[in-house]
PDB file of N, CA and C in Angstrom:
ATOM      1  N   MET A   1      92.588  76.202 142.778  1.00  0.00           N
ATOM      2  CA  MET A   1      92.690  74.881 142.201  1.00  0.00           C
ATOM      3  C   MET A   1      94.155  74.561 141.901  1.00  0.00           C
ATOM      4  N   LYS A   2      94.461  73.324 142.029  1.00  0.00           N
ATOM      5  CA  LYS A   2      95.805  72.865 141.728  1.00  0.00           C
ATOM      6  C   LYS A   2      95.821  72.337 140.299  1.00  0.00           C
ATOM      7  N   ASN A   3      97.021  72.270 139.717  1.00  0.00           N
ATOM      8  CA  ASN A   3      97.088  71.704 138.385  1.00  0.00           C
ATOM      9  C   ASN A   3      97.054  70.183 138.473  1.00  0.00           C
ATOM     10  N   GLU A   4      96.843  69.546 137.350  1.00  0.00           N
ATOM     11  CA  GLU A   4      96.642  68.091 137.328  1.00  0.00           C
ATOM     12  C   GLU A   4      97.856  67.333 137.858  1.00  0.00           C
ATOM     13  N   ILE A   5      99.042  67.844 137.618  1.00  0.00           N
ATOM     14  CA  ILE A   5     100.257  67.183 138.121  1.00  0.00           C
ATOM     15  C   ILE A   5     100.269  67.193 139.646  1.00  0.00           C
ATOM     16  N   GLU A   6      99.928  68.323 140.252  1.00  0.00           N
ATOM     17  CA  GLU A   6      99.879  68.404 141.718  1.00  0.00           C
ATOM     18  C   GLU A   6      98.801  67.483 142.288  1.00  0.00           C
ATOM     19  N   VAL A   7      97.661  67.430 141.631  1.00  0.00           N
ATOM     20  CA  VAL A   7      96.567  66.580 142.100  1.00  0.00           C
ATOM     21  C   VAL A   7      96.966  65.108 141.992  1.00  0.00           C
ATOM     22  N   ASN A   8      97.688  64.742 140.938  1.00  0.00           N
ATOM     23  CA  ASN A   8      98.151  63.360 140.769  1.00  0.00           C
ATOM     24  C   ASN A   8      99.064  62.918 141.909  1.00  0.00           C
ATOM     25  N   LEU A   9      99.741  63.847 142.542  1.00  0.00           N
ATOM     26  CA  LEU A   9     100.657  63.514 143.632  1.00  0.00           C
ATOM     27  C   LEU A   9      99.948  63.345 144.970  1.00  0.00           C
ATOM     28  N   MET A  10      98.698  63.735 145.050  1.00  0.00           N
ATOM     29  CA  MET A  10      97.931  63.598 146.291  1.00  0.00           C
ATOM     30  C   MET A  10      97.519  62.146 146.493  1.00  0.00           C
ATOM     31  N   SER A  11      97.242  61.806 147.729  1.00  0.00           N
ATOM     32  CA  SER A  11      96.700  60.487 148.028  1.00  0.00           C
ATOM     33  C   SER A  11      95.293  60.381 147.442  1.00  0.00           C
ATOM     34  N   PRO A  12      94.957  59.241 146.851  1.00  0.00           N
ATOM     35  CA  PRO A  12      93.587  59.046 146.384  1.00  0.00           C
ATOM     36  C   PRO A  12      92.550  59.186 147.502  1.00  0.00           C
ATOM     37  N   LEU A  13      92.946  58.941 148.740  1.00  0.00           N
ATOM     38  CA  LEU A  13      92.004  59.130 149.839  1.00  0.00           C
ATOM     39  C   LEU A  13      91.718  60.606 150.083  1.00  0.00           C
ATOM     40  N   VAL A  14      92.647  61.480 149.708  1.00  0.00           N
ATOM     41  CA  VAL A  14      92.391  62.924 149.766  1.00  0.00           C
ATOM     42  C   VAL A  14      91.369  63.285 148.691  1.00  0.00           C
ATOM     43  N   TRP A  15      91.505  62.690 147.507  1.00  0.00           N
ATOM     44  CA  TRP A  15      90.514  62.933 146.455  1.00  0.00           C
ATOM     45  C   TRP A  15      89.133  62.518 146.955  1.00  0.00           C
ATOM     46  N   ALA A  16      89.065  61.337 147.588  1.00  0.00           N
ATOM     47  CA  ALA A  16      87.785  60.829 148.082  1.00  0.00           C
ATOM     48  C   ALA A  16      87.219  61.717 149.186  1.00  0.00           C
ATOM     49  N   TYR A  17      88.094  62.225 150.039  1.00  0.00           N
ATOM     50  CA  TYR A  17      87.670  63.128 151.122  1.00  0.00           C
ATOM     51  C   TYR A  17      86.968  64.354 150.544  1.00  0.00           C
ATOM     52  N   VAL A  18      87.559  64.934 149.524  1.00  0.00           N
ATOM     53  CA  VAL A  18      86.963  66.108 148.885  1.00  0.00           C
ATOM     54  C   VAL A  18      85.734  65.706 148.068  1.00  0.00           C
ATOM     55  N   GLY A  19      85.845  64.590 147.361  1.00  0.00           N
ATOM     56  CA  GLY A  19      84.737  64.124 146.529  1.00  0.00           C
ATOM     57  C   GLY A  19      83.482  63.841 147.315  1.00  0.00           C
ATOM     58  N   ASP A  20      83.642  63.337 148.529  1.00  0.00           N
ATOM     59  CA  ASP A  20      82.498  63.089 149.407  1.00  0.00           C
ATOM     60  C   ASP A  20      81.720  64.381 149.632  1.00  0.00           C
ATOM     61  N   SER A  21      82.419  65.454 149.929  1.00  0.00           N
ATOM     62  CA  SER A  21      81.774  66.749 150.177  1.00  0.00           C
ATOM     63  C   SER A  21      81.153  67.323 148.914  1.00  0.00           C
ATOM     64  N   VAL A  22      81.880  67.235 147.806  1.00  0.00           N
ATOM     65  CA  VAL A  22      81.371  67.783 146.541  1.00  0.00           C
ATOM     66  C   VAL A  22      80.090  67.067 146.139  1.00  0.00           C
ATOM     67  N   TYR A  23      80.104  65.735 146.231  1.00  0.00           N
ATOM     68  CA  TYR A  23      78.926  64.959 145.825  1.00  0.00           C
ATOM     69  C   TYR A  23      77.746  65.225 146.758  1.00  0.00           C
ATOM     70  N   GLU A  24      78.001  65.264 148.047  1.00  0.00           N
ATOM     71  CA  GLU A  24      76.899  65.517 148.976  1.00  0.00           C
ATOM     72  C   GLU A  24      76.314  66.907 148.758  1.00  0.00           C
ATOM     73  N   LEU A  25      77.141  67.907 148.525  1.00  0.00           N
ATOM     74  CA  LEU A  25      76.634  69.255 148.249  1.00  0.00           C
ATOM     75  C   LEU A  25      75.813  69.262 146.959  1.00  0.00           C
ATOM     76  N   PHE A  26      76.294  68.542 145.944  1.00  0.00           N
ATOM     77  CA  PHE A  26      75.544  68.456 144.689  1.00  0.00           C
ATOM     78  C   PHE A  26      74.159  67.861 144.937  1.00  0.00           C
ATOM     79  N   ILE A  27      74.099  66.747 145.665  1.00  0.00           N
ATOM     80  CA  ILE A  27      72.824  66.087 145.941  1.00  0.00           C
ATOM     81  C   ILE A  27      71.911  66.992 146.758  1.00  0.00           C
ATOM     82  N   ARG A  28      72.448  67.593 147.812  1.00  0.00           N
ATOM     83  CA  ARG A  28      71.620  68.473 148.652  1.00  0.00           C
ATOM     84  C   ARG A  28      71.064  69.648 147.851  1.00  0.00           C
ATOM     85  N   THR A  29      71.917  70.249 147.033  1.00  0.00           N
ATOM     86  CA  THR A  29      71.486  71.380 146.212  1.00  0.00           C
ATOM     87  C   THR A  29      70.401  70.943 145.229  1.00  0.00           C
ATOM     88  N   HIS A  30      70.615  69.792 144.599  1.00  0.00           N
ATOM     89  CA  HIS A  30      69.626  69.271 143.654  1.00  0.00           C
ATOM     90  C   HIS A  30      68.279  69.058 144.349  1.00  0.00           C
ATOM     91  N   LEU A  31      68.301  68.474 145.524  1.00  0.00           N
ATOM     92  CA  LEU A  31      67.050  68.222 146.247  1.00  0.00           C
ATOM     93  C   LEU A  31      66.343  69.519 146.636  1.00  0.00           C
ATOM     94  N   VAL A  32      67.103  70.504 147.076  1.00  0.00           N
ATOM     95  CA  VAL A  32      66.516  71.790 147.456  1.00  0.00           C
ATOM     96  C   VAL A  32      65.898  72.470 146.235  1.00  0.00           C
ATOM     97  N   GLU A  33      66.566  72.340 145.088  1.00  0.00           N
ATOM     98  CA  GLU A  33      66.082  72.999 143.880  1.00  0.00           C
ATOM     99  C   GLU A  33      64.912  72.274 143.227  1.00  0.00           C
ATOM    100  N   THR A  34      64.755  70.981 143.489  1.00  0.00           N
ATOM    101  CA  THR A  34      63.746  70.205 142.767  1.00  0.00           C
ATOM    102  C   THR A  34      62.611  69.678 143.641  1.00  0.00           C
ATOM    103  N   THR A  35      62.685  69.919 144.944  1.00  0.00           N
ATOM    104  CA  THR A  35      61.618  69.452 145.830  1.00  0.00           C
ATOM    105  C   THR A  35      61.200  70.592 146.756  1.00  0.00           C
ATOM    106  N   ASN A  36      60.184  70.326 147.522  1.00  0.00           N
ATOM    107  CA  ASN A  36      59.740  71.289 148.520  1.00  0.00           C
ATOM    108  C   ASN A  36      59.732  70.611 149.886  1.00  0.00           C
ATOM    109  N   LEU A  37      60.725  69.763 150.120  1.00  0.00           N
ATOM    110  CA  LEU A  37      60.791  68.985 151.355  1.00  0.00           C
ATOM    111  C   LEU A  37      61.334  69.815 152.512  1.00  0.00           C
ATOM    112  N   LYS A  38      60.913  69.435 153.709  1.00  0.00           N
ATOM    113  CA  LYS A  38      61.449  70.056 154.924  1.00  0.00           C
ATOM    114  C   LYS A  38      62.810  69.434 155.219  1.00  0.00           C
ATOM    115  N   PRO A  39      63.642  70.112 156.036  1.00  0.00           N
ATOM    116  CA  PRO A  39      65.014  69.659 156.266  1.00  0.00           C
ATOM    117  C   PRO A  39      65.172  68.185 156.649  1.00  0.00           C
ATOM    118  N   HIS A  40      64.338  67.678 157.532  1.00  0.00           N
ATOM    119  CA  HIS A  40      64.491  66.271 157.919  1.00  0.00           C
ATOM    120  C   HIS A  40      64.250  65.341 156.724  1.00  0.00           C
ATOM    121  N   LYS A  41      63.226  65.645 155.941  1.00  0.00           N
ATOM    122  CA  LYS A  41      62.927  64.835 154.751  1.00  0.00           C
ATOM    123  C   LYS A  41      64.022  65.001 153.691  1.00  0.00           C
ATOM    124  N   LEU A  42      64.585  66.199 153.596  1.00  0.00           N
ATOM    125  CA  LEU A  42      65.719  66.413 152.686  1.00  0.00           C
ATOM    126  C   LEU A  42      66.875  65.501 153.075  1.00  0.00           C
ATOM    127  N   HIS A  43      67.141  65.433 154.364  1.00  0.00           N
ATOM    128  CA  HIS A  43      68.223  64.585 154.867  1.00  0.00           C
ATOM    129  C   HIS A  43      67.958  63.115 154.535  1.00  0.00           C
ATOM    130  N   ILE A  44      66.756  62.657 154.778  1.00  0.00           N
ATOM    131  CA  ILE A  44      66.389  61.262 154.502  1.00  0.00           C
ATOM    132  C   ILE A  44      66.564  60.953 153.013  1.00  0.00           C
ATOM    133  N   GLU A  45      66.132  61.881 152.173  1.00  0.00           N
ATOM    134  CA  GLU A  45      66.250  61.678 150.724  1.00  0.00           C
ATOM    135  C   GLU A  45      67.716  61.722 150.281  1.00  0.00           C
ATOM    136  N   ALA A  46      68.493  62.629 150.845  1.00  0.00           N
ATOM    137  CA  ALA A  46      69.910  62.732 150.481  1.00  0.00           C
ATOM    138  C   ALA A  46      70.661  61.457 150.819  1.00  0.00           C
ATOM    139  N   ILE A  47      70.349  60.866 151.950  1.00  0.00           N
ATOM    140  CA  ILE A  47      71.020  59.636 152.371  1.00  0.00           C
ATOM    141  C   ILE A  47      70.857  58.542 151.326  1.00  0.00           C
ATOM    142  N   LYS A  48      69.716  58.498 150.666  1.00  0.00           N
ATOM    143  CA  LYS A  48      69.477  57.484 149.636  1.00  0.00           C
ATOM    144  C   LYS A  48      70.494  57.584 148.508  1.00  0.00           C
ATOM    145  N   HIS A  49      70.985  58.789 148.261  1.00  0.00           N
ATOM    146  CA  HIS A  49      71.924  59.023 147.166  1.00  0.00           C
ATOM    147  C   HIS A  49      73.386  58.906 147.591  1.00  0.00           C
ATOM    148  N   VAL A  50      73.681  59.236 148.833  1.00  0.00           N
ATOM    149  CA  VAL A  50      75.085  59.315 149.243  1.00  0.00           C
ATOM    150  C   VAL A  50      75.574  58.085 150.005  1.00  0.00           C
ATOM    151  N   LYS A  51      74.685  57.122 150.270  1.00  0.00           N
ATOM    152  CA  LYS A  51      75.144  55.921 150.966  1.00  0.00           C
ATOM    153  C   LYS A  51      76.036  55.097 150.029  1.00  0.00           C
ATOM    154  N   ALA A  52      76.869  54.271 150.626  1.00  0.00           N
ATOM    155  CA  ALA A  52      77.881  53.525 149.874  1.00  0.00           C
ATOM    156  C   ALA A  52      77.281  52.694 148.747  1.00  0.00           C
ATOM    157  N   LYS A  53      76.211  51.972 149.021  1.00  0.00           N
ATOM    158  CA  LYS A  53      75.606  51.110 147.997  1.00  0.00           C
ATOM    159  C   LYS A  53      75.164  51.933 146.785  1.00  0.00           C
ATOM    160  N   ALA A  54      74.545  53.066 147.024  1.00  0.00           N
ATOM    161  CA  ALA A  54      74.085  53.918 145.920  1.00  0.00           C
ATOM    162  C   ALA A  54      75.264  54.439 145.108  1.00  0.00           C
ATOM    163  N   GLN A  55      76.327  54.868 145.779  1.00  0.00           N
ATOM    164  CA  GLN A  55      77.497  55.379 145.064  1.00  0.00           C
ATOM    165  C   GLN A  55      78.186  54.275 144.271  1.00  0.00           C
ATOM    166  N   ALA A  56      78.254  53.069 144.825  1.00  0.00           N
ATOM    167  CA  ALA A  56      78.850  51.940 144.107  1.00  0.00           C
ATOM    168  C   ALA A  56      78.047  51.640 142.838  1.00  0.00           C
ATOM    169  N   GLU A  57      76.728  51.700 142.950  1.00  0.00           N
ATOM    170  CA  GLU A  57      75.869  51.459 141.789  1.00  0.00           C
ATOM    171  C   GLU A  57      76.038  52.553 140.734  1.00  0.00           C
ATOM    172  N   ILE A  58      76.179  53.782 141.179  1.00  0.00           N
ATOM    173  CA  ILE A  58      76.395  54.893 140.242  1.00  0.00           C
ATOM    174  C   ILE A  58      77.705  54.689 139.488  1.00  0.00           C
ATOM    175  N   LEU A  59      78.748  54.348 140.212  1.00  0.00           N
ATOM    176  CA  LEU A  59      80.045  54.134 139.563  1.00  0.00           C
ATOM    177  C   LEU A  59      79.938  53.029 138.523  1.00  0.00           C
ATOM    178  N   GLU A  60      79.252  51.953 138.856  1.00  0.00           N
ATOM    179  CA  GLU A  60      79.079  50.853 137.907  1.00  0.00           C
ATOM    180  C   GLU A  60      78.342  51.325 136.655  1.00  0.00           C
ATOM    181  N   SER A  61      77.323  52.159 136.834  1.00  0.00           N
ATOM    182  CA  SER A  61      76.554  52.644 135.693  1.00  0.00           C
ATOM    183  C   SER A  61      77.352  53.612 134.815  1.00  0.00           C
ATOM    184  N   LEU A  62      78.362  54.252 135.388  1.00  0.00           N
ATOM    185  CA  LEU A  62      79.176  55.220 134.643  1.00  0.00           C
ATOM    186  C   LEU A  62      80.379  54.586 133.947  1.00  0.00           C
ATOM    187  N   GLN A  63      80.730  53.370 134.309  1.00  0.00           N
ATOM    188  CA  GLN A  63      81.969  52.748 133.829  1.00  0.00           C
ATOM    189  C   GLN A  63      82.179  52.881 132.327  1.00  0.00           C
ATOM    190  N   ALA A  64      81.163  52.602 131.532  1.00  0.00           N
ATOM    191  CA  ALA A  64      81.309  52.619 130.072  1.00  0.00           C
ATOM    192  C   ALA A  64      81.595  54.021 129.536  1.00  0.00           C
ATOM    193  N   GLU A  65      81.273  55.044 130.310  1.00  0.00           N
ATOM    194  CA  GLU A  65      81.442  56.421 129.851  1.00  0.00           C
ATOM    195  C   GLU A  65      82.735  57.070 130.335  1.00  0.00           C
ATOM    196  N   LEU A  66      83.463  56.386 131.200  1.00  0.00           N
ATOM    197  CA  LEU A  66      84.682  56.964 131.753  1.00  0.00           C
ATOM    198  C   LEU A  66      85.829  56.869 130.757  1.00  0.00           C
ATOM    199  N   THR A  67      86.679  57.881 130.770  1.00  0.00           N
ATOM    200  CA  THR A  67      87.890  57.840 129.956  1.00  0.00           C
ATOM    201  C   THR A  67      88.890  56.889 130.611  1.00  0.00           C
ATOM    202  N   GLU A  68      89.939  56.554 129.892  1.00  0.00           N
ATOM    203  CA  GLU A  68      90.976  55.682 130.463  1.00  0.00           C
ATOM    204  C   GLU A  68      91.616  56.341 131.686  1.00  0.00           C
ATOM    205  N   LYS A  69      91.835  57.640 131.635  1.00  0.00           N
ATOM    206  CA  LYS A  69      92.394  58.365 132.778  1.00  0.00           C
ATOM    207  C   LYS A  69      91.456  58.264 133.978  1.00  0.00           C
ATOM    208  N   GLU A  70      90.168  58.451 133.752  1.00  0.00           N
ATOM    209  CA  GLU A  70      89.193  58.372 134.837  1.00  0.00           C
ATOM    210  C   GLU A  70      89.120  56.959 135.413  1.00  0.00           C
ATOM    211  N   LYS A  71      89.204  55.956 134.557  1.00  0.00           N
ATOM    212  CA  LYS A  71      89.221  54.568 135.035  1.00  0.00           C
ATOM    213  C   LYS A  71      90.459  54.309 135.897  1.00  0.00           C
ATOM    214  N   GLU A  72      91.561  54.905 135.527  1.00  0.00           N
ATOM    215  CA  GLU A  72      92.785  54.767 136.331  1.00  0.00           C
ATOM    216  C   GLU A  72      92.619  55.443 137.691  1.00  0.00           C
ATOM    217  N   ILE A  73      91.993  56.588 137.728  1.00  0.00           N
ATOM    218  CA  ILE A  73      91.712  57.283 138.992  1.00  0.00           C
ATOM    219  C   ILE A  73      90.837  56.395 139.877  1.00  0.00           C
ATOM    220  N   VAL A  74      89.820  55.801 139.292  1.00  0.00           N
ATOM    221  CA  VAL A  74      88.936  54.895 140.034  1.00  0.00           C
ATOM    222  C   VAL A  74      89.739  53.718 140.587  1.00  0.00           C
ATOM    223  N   ARG A  75      90.574  53.103 139.744  1.00  0.00           N
ATOM    224  CA  ARG A  75      91.393  51.959 140.200  1.00  0.00           C
ATOM    225  C   ARG A  75      92.323  52.359 141.333  1.00  0.00           C
ATOM    226  N   ARG A  76      92.990  53.506 141.166  1.00  0.00           N
ATOM    227  CA  ARG A  76      93.926  53.954 142.210  1.00  0.00           C
ATOM    228  C   ARG A  76      93.213  54.176 143.538  1.00  0.00           C
ATOM    229  N   THR A  77      92.054  54.805 143.478  1.00  0.00           N
ATOM    230  CA  THR A  77      91.330  55.083 144.722  1.00  0.00           C
ATOM    231  C   THR A  77      90.789  53.795 145.331  1.00  0.00           C
ATOM    232  N   ARG A  78      90.222  52.943 144.507  1.00  0.00           N
ATOM    233  CA  ARG A  78      89.659  51.680 145.000  1.00  0.00           C
ATOM    234  C   ARG A  78      90.726  50.811 145.662  1.00  0.00           C
ATOM    235  N   ASN A  79      91.923  50.837 145.121  1.00  0.00           N
ATOM    236  CA  ASN A  79      92.995  49.964 145.607  1.00  0.00           C
ATOM    237  C   ASN A  79      93.836  50.569 146.721  1.00  0.00           C
ATOM    238  N   THR A  80      93.577  51.817 147.087  1.00  0.00           N
ATOM    239  CA  THR A  80      94.325  52.446 148.164  1.00  0.00           C
ATOM    240  C   THR A  80      93.883  51.855 149.495  1.00  0.00           C
ATOM    241  N   GLU A  81      94.847  51.488 150.304  1.00  0.00           N
ATOM    242  CA  GLU A  81      94.521  50.887 151.600  1.00  0.00           C
ATOM    243  C   GLU A  81      93.861  51.918 152.496  1.00  0.00           C
ATOM    244  N   ASN A  82      92.697  51.556 152.962  1.00  0.00           N
ATOM    245  CA  ASN A  82      91.916  52.432 153.827  1.00  0.00           C
ATOM    246  C   ASN A  82      91.678  51.679 155.128  1.00  0.00           C
ATOM    247  N   HIS A  83      92.111  52.221 156.228  1.00  0.00           N
ATOM    248  CA  HIS A  83      91.985  51.543 157.515  1.00  0.00           C
ATOM    249  C   HIS A  83      90.638  51.769 158.177  1.00  0.00           C
ATOM    250  N   HIS A  84      89.779  52.514 157.507  1.00  0.00           N
ATOM    251  CA  HIS A  84      88.441  52.768 158.050  1.00  0.00           C
ATOM    252  C   HIS A  84      87.528  51.624 157.637  1.00  0.00           C
ATOM    253  N   LEU A  85      86.909  50.995 158.593  1.00  0.00           N
ATOM    254  CA  LEU A  85      85.965  49.927 158.302  1.00  0.00           C
ATOM    255  C   LEU A  85      84.545  50.460 158.403  1.00  0.00           C
ATOM    256  N   PRO A  86      83.740  50.233 157.371  1.00  0.00           N
ATOM    257  CA  PRO A  86      82.370  50.747 157.400  1.00  0.00           C
ATOM    258  C   PRO A  86      81.516  50.033 158.434  1.00  0.00           C
ATOM    259  N   LYS A  87      80.651  50.799 159.096  1.00  0.00           N
ATOM    260  CA  LYS A  87      79.737  50.224 160.083  1.00  0.00           C
ATOM    261  C   LYS A  87      78.462  49.726 159.412  1.00  0.00           C
ATOM    262  N   ASN A  88      77.946  50.508 158.502  1.00  0.00           N
ATOM    263  CA  ASN A  88      76.636  50.215 157.921  1.00  0.00           C
ATOM    264  C   ASN A  88      76.697  49.929 156.426  1.00  0.00           C
ATOM    265  N   ALA A  89      77.843  49.484 155.938  1.00  0.00           N
ATOM    266  CA  ALA A  89      77.966  49.242 154.506  1.00  0.00           C
ATOM    267  C   ALA A  89      78.749  47.963 154.260  1.00  0.00           C
ATOM    268  N   ASP A  90      78.427  47.324 153.178  1.00  0.00           N
ATOM    269  CA  ASP A  90      79.189  46.179 152.716  1.00  0.00           C
ATOM    270  C   ASP A  90      80.596  46.685 152.353  1.00  0.00           C
ATOM    271  N   PRO A  91      81.653  45.982 152.762  1.00  0.00           N
ATOM    272  CA  PRO A  91      83.016  46.451 152.470  1.00  0.00           C
ATOM    273  C   PRO A  91      83.287  46.657 150.981  1.00  0.00           C
ATOM    274  N   THR A  92      82.719  45.812 150.127  1.00  0.00           N
ATOM    275  CA  THR A  92      82.926  45.982 148.682  1.00  0.00           C
ATOM    276  C   THR A  92      82.227  47.239 148.187  1.00  0.00           C
ATOM    277  N   ASP A  93      80.983  47.457 148.626  1.00  0.00           N
ATOM    278  CA  ASP A  93      80.281  48.692 148.252  1.00  0.00           C
ATOM    279  C   ASP A  93      81.055  49.905 148.741  1.00  0.00           C
ATOM    280  N   TYR A  94      81.573  49.821 149.951  1.00  0.00           N
ATOM    281  CA  TYR A  94      82.327  50.936 150.523  1.00  0.00           C
ATOM    282  C   TYR A  94      83.563  51.240 149.684  1.00  0.00           C
ATOM    283  N   MET A  95      84.251  50.192 149.245  1.00  0.00           N
ATOM    284  CA  MET A  95      85.457  50.358 148.432  1.00  0.00           C
ATOM    285  C   MET A  95      85.125  51.056 147.102  1.00  0.00           C
ATOM    286  N   TYR A  96      84.023  50.642 146.470  1.00  0.00           N
ATOM    287  CA  TYR A  96      83.632  51.259 145.204  1.00  0.00           C
ATOM    288  C   TYR A  96      83.055  52.655 145.414  1.00  0.00           C
ATOM    289  N   ALA A  97      82.385  52.880 146.530  1.00  0.00           N
ATOM    290  CA  ALA A  97      81.891  54.224 146.843  1.00  0.00           C
ATOM    291  C   ALA A  97      83.070  55.180 147.042  1.00  0.00           C
ATOM    292  N   THR A  98      84.103  54.692 147.717  1.00  0.00           N
ATOM    293  CA  THR A  98      85.309  55.500 147.903  1.00  0.00           C
ATOM    294  C   THR A  98      85.940  55.815 146.553  1.00  0.00           C
ATOM    295  N   ALA A  99      85.939  54.837 145.652  1.00  0.00           N
ATOM    296  CA  ALA A  99      86.489  55.054 144.303  1.00  0.00           C
ATOM    297  C   ALA A  99      85.666  56.117 143.559  1.00  0.00           C
ATOM    298  N   PHE A 100      84.340  56.063 143.700  1.00  0.00           N
ATOM    299  CA  PHE A 100      83.476  57.073 143.084  1.00  0.00           C
ATOM    300  C   PHE A 100      83.800  58.458 143.640  1.00  0.00           C
ATOM    301  N   GLU A 101      83.892  58.550 144.955  1.00  0.00           N
ATOM    302  CA  GLU A 101      84.222  59.831 145.584  1.00  0.00           C
ATOM    303  C   GLU A 101      85.605  60.307 145.152  1.00  0.00           C
ATOM    304  N   GLY A 102      86.533  59.383 144.986  1.00  0.00           N
ATOM    305  CA  GLY A 102      87.876  59.745 144.519  1.00  0.00           C
ATOM    306  C   GLY A 102      87.830  60.382 143.143  1.00  0.00           C
ATOM    307  N   LEU A 103      87.039  59.815 142.263  1.00  0.00           N
ATOM    308  CA  LEU A 103      86.893  60.377 140.918  1.00  0.00           C
ATOM    309  C   LEU A 103      86.298  61.779 140.984  1.00  0.00           C
ATOM    310  N   ILE A 104      85.248  61.938 141.770  1.00  0.00           N
ATOM    311  CA  ILE A 104      84.601  63.249 141.897  1.00  0.00           C
ATOM    312  C   ILE A 104      85.591  64.270 142.471  1.00  0.00           C
ATOM    313  N   GLY A 105      86.310  63.873 143.515  1.00  0.00           N
ATOM    314  CA  GLY A 105      87.295  64.765 144.124  1.00  0.00           C
ATOM    315  C   GLY A 105      88.422  65.126 143.184  1.00  0.00           C
ATOM    316  N   TYR A 106      88.902  64.142 142.430  1.00  0.00           N
ATOM    317  CA  TYR A 106      89.979  64.391 141.469  1.00  0.00           C
ATOM    318  C   TYR A 106      89.545  65.421 140.430  1.00  0.00           C
ATOM    319  N   LEU A 107      88.357  65.212 139.853  1.00  0.00           N
ATOM    320  CA  LEU A 107      87.870  66.152 138.839  1.00  0.00           C
ATOM    321  C   LEU A 107      87.697  67.548 139.428  1.00  0.00           C
ATOM    322  N   TYR A 108      87.198  67.619 140.638  1.00  0.00           N
ATOM    323  CA  TYR A 108      87.010  68.916 141.288  1.00  0.00           C
ATOM    324  C   TYR A 108      88.355  69.598 141.552  1.00  0.00           C
ATOM    325  N   LEU A 109      89.268  68.872 142.162  1.00  0.00           N
ATOM    326  CA  LEU A 109      90.564  69.460 142.540  1.00  0.00           C
ATOM    327  C   LEU A 109      91.397  69.861 141.330  1.00  0.00           C
ATOM    328  N   SER A 110      91.252  69.132 140.230  1.00  0.00           N
ATOM    329  CA  SER A 110      92.039  69.446 139.034  1.00  0.00           C
ATOM    330  C   SER A 110      91.334  70.452 138.124  1.00  0.00           C
ATOM    331  N   GLY A 111      90.201  70.984 138.586  1.00  0.00           N
ATOM    332  CA  GLY A 111      89.533  72.054 137.852  1.00  0.00           C
ATOM    333  C   GLY A 111      88.765  71.603 136.621  1.00  0.00           C
ATOM    334  N   GLN A 112      88.441  70.329 136.525  1.00  0.00           N
ATOM    335  CA  GLN A 112      87.722  69.799 135.362  1.00  0.00           C
ATOM    336  C   GLN A 112      86.209  69.908 135.593  1.00  0.00           C
ATOM    337  N   LYS A 113      85.754  71.137 135.747  1.00  0.00           N
ATOM    338  CA  LYS A 113      84.372  71.408 136.146  1.00  0.00           C
ATOM    339  C   LYS A 113      83.338  70.923 135.130  1.00  0.00           C
ATOM    340  N   ASP A 114      83.625  71.080 133.835  1.00  0.00           N
ATOM    341  CA  ASP A 114      82.649  70.641 132.835  1.00  0.00           C
ATOM    342  C   ASP A 114      82.443  69.131 132.907  1.00  0.00           C
ATOM    343  N   ARG A 115      83.538  68.391 133.002  1.00  0.00           N
ATOM    344  CA  ARG A 115      83.432  66.932 133.085  1.00  0.00           C
ATOM    345  C   ARG A 115      82.784  66.520 134.407  1.00  0.00           C
ATOM    346  N   LEU A 116      83.142  67.203 135.467  1.00  0.00           N
ATOM    347  CA  LEU A 116      82.548  66.929 136.770  1.00  0.00           C
ATOM    348  C   LEU A 116      81.035  67.109 136.703  1.00  0.00           C
ATOM    349  N   ASN A 117      80.583  68.232 136.164  1.00  0.00           N
ATOM    350  CA  ASN A 117      79.146  68.503 136.062  1.00  0.00           C
ATOM    351  C   ASN A 117      78.449  67.485 135.158  1.00  0.00           C
ATOM    352  N   GLU A 118      79.118  67.096 134.084  1.00  0.00           N
ATOM    353  CA  GLU A 118      78.551  66.092 133.180  1.00  0.00           C
ATOM    354  C   GLU A 118      78.295  64.781 133.920  1.00  0.00           C
ATOM    355  N   LEU A 119      79.285  64.312 134.678  1.00  0.00           N
ATOM    356  CA  LEU A 119      79.124  63.055 135.411  1.00  0.00           C
ATOM    357  C   LEU A 119      78.117  63.188 136.548  1.00  0.00           C
ATOM    358  N   LEU A 120      78.180  64.298 137.283  1.00  0.00           N
ATOM    359  CA  LEU A 120      77.235  64.491 138.384  1.00  0.00           C
ATOM    360  C   LEU A 120      75.793  64.503 137.899  1.00  0.00           C
ATOM    361  N   ASN A 121      75.552  65.145 136.776  1.00  0.00           N
ATOM    362  CA  ASN A 121      74.190  65.209 136.255  1.00  0.00           C
ATOM    363  C   ASN A 121      73.692  63.845 135.801  1.00  0.00           C
ATOM    364  N   LYS A 122      74.591  62.937 135.476  1.00  0.00           N
ATOM    365  CA  LYS A 122      74.194  61.572 135.118  1.00  0.00           C
ATOM    366  C   LYS A 122      73.889  60.737 136.367  1.00  0.00           C
ATOM    367  N   CYS A 123      74.261  61.224 137.515  1.00  0.00           N
ATOM    368  CA  CYS A 123      74.023  60.509 138.780  1.00  0.00           C
ATOM    369  C   CYS A 123      72.585  60.629 139.249  1.00  0.00           C
ATOM    370  N   ILE A 124      71.883  61.604 138.763  1.00  0.00           N
ATOM    371  CA  ILE A 124      70.515  61.862 139.228  1.00  0.00           C
ATOM    372  C   ILE A 124      69.539  60.961 138.486  1.00  0.00           C
TER     373      ILE A 124
END
């Protein structure tokens, strides 16, 4: 893990890149632990949680609980120019989903595991 100063110097899109993986692993693990679904059904269920619209809604529901630092991380990630255009998502949802992933990635990369777990558990 890097220290918070090093993580602050990274691109917010790097935070989102990592956050995407962390969040998807969290969702997949949760589904495996709480259901008895076969792999294809697990995939279908996971998509419901990791699609842009769902992540944008989660971020909106968490806003009141975020610290000022976390809100700044969300703003930085949301406002970072991303040249990737979503195929199956509303651009606004995609922007907020990227911001959500940025927050998750930032917390993970900076070693803030307790806070990360607290927020992830509120996503379910």
